[in-house]
Amino acid sequence: MIHIRPPARLRRWAAPLGVAAALALYAVLVPLGWAYADTGPYWRSAADVPAAPVALVLGAGIVKGEPSGLLARRLDLAADLYRRGKVRVLLVSGDNRTKDYDEPTVMRDYLVAHGIPAAKIVRDFAGLDTWDSCARARRIFGVRELTVVTQDFHLPRAVALCRAAGITAWGVGDDSLDGRTQPTLAGYAREPLAMLKATGSLVLRPDPRVLGAPETSVRRALAAP
């Protein structure tokens, strides 16, 4: 058997490179591990989540004017919470940066088509990412307590960011592995880096990219019959 030894230069760098790779992996995984540990007590099922005035439904993309597969599941879960009496208003938060891409309106229309009263749905057109959705729920819509609705892989980050925004937040997640396996696995794969990015928002708590004046739409929806 022929044994091939790596070049001496490569051997010299093997240990430092291994240490650097281990440190990089540690830096990526620690924030996610912290989020799981810190927010775990606030994850609930639709059946046992405490009642809250508002469900914050986070956008997850639209395709040809319809919710993506993951987003439809979030909306179905939010509708279930409403029917159970666990929430009274659904705040749908998504991207509307261009005229032809109106995620919150697609979300509202889907919910109305599935029996949710339009008067109980509020649209946030500037939920450009999870932090912005949480921060705007507090600062623009005046929400102090909510249940955030998303997929299980996103739940630790979403709950952590909403609580960092000053909201008493619970989380209800959709286990989408049973029906949307590929995008769900992709979501789990992306989440460590997404959580690393979110660390800046957790520490600095910046203004949302679009702020604007406070709105009374959630308050009016809560008061609607």
Foldseek 3Di string as FASTA:
>chain_A
DDDDDDDPVCVVCVVVVVVVVVVVVCLLVVLVVCLCVVQVVQEDALVPHAAFAEEEEEADDDDPLAHDPQSLLLLVRVLSSCVVNSYQAYEYEDEDPDPVGQRQVNSLVSNVVVPDDSLRYHYHHQCHDLLQSLLCCCQAAVAAEYEYTGAPLCFSVNQLSNVLSRHNYGYYHDPCCVPPVVVVVVSNVCSSVVSSVCVCCSVVVDHRPDHDHHDHSNVSSSVDD
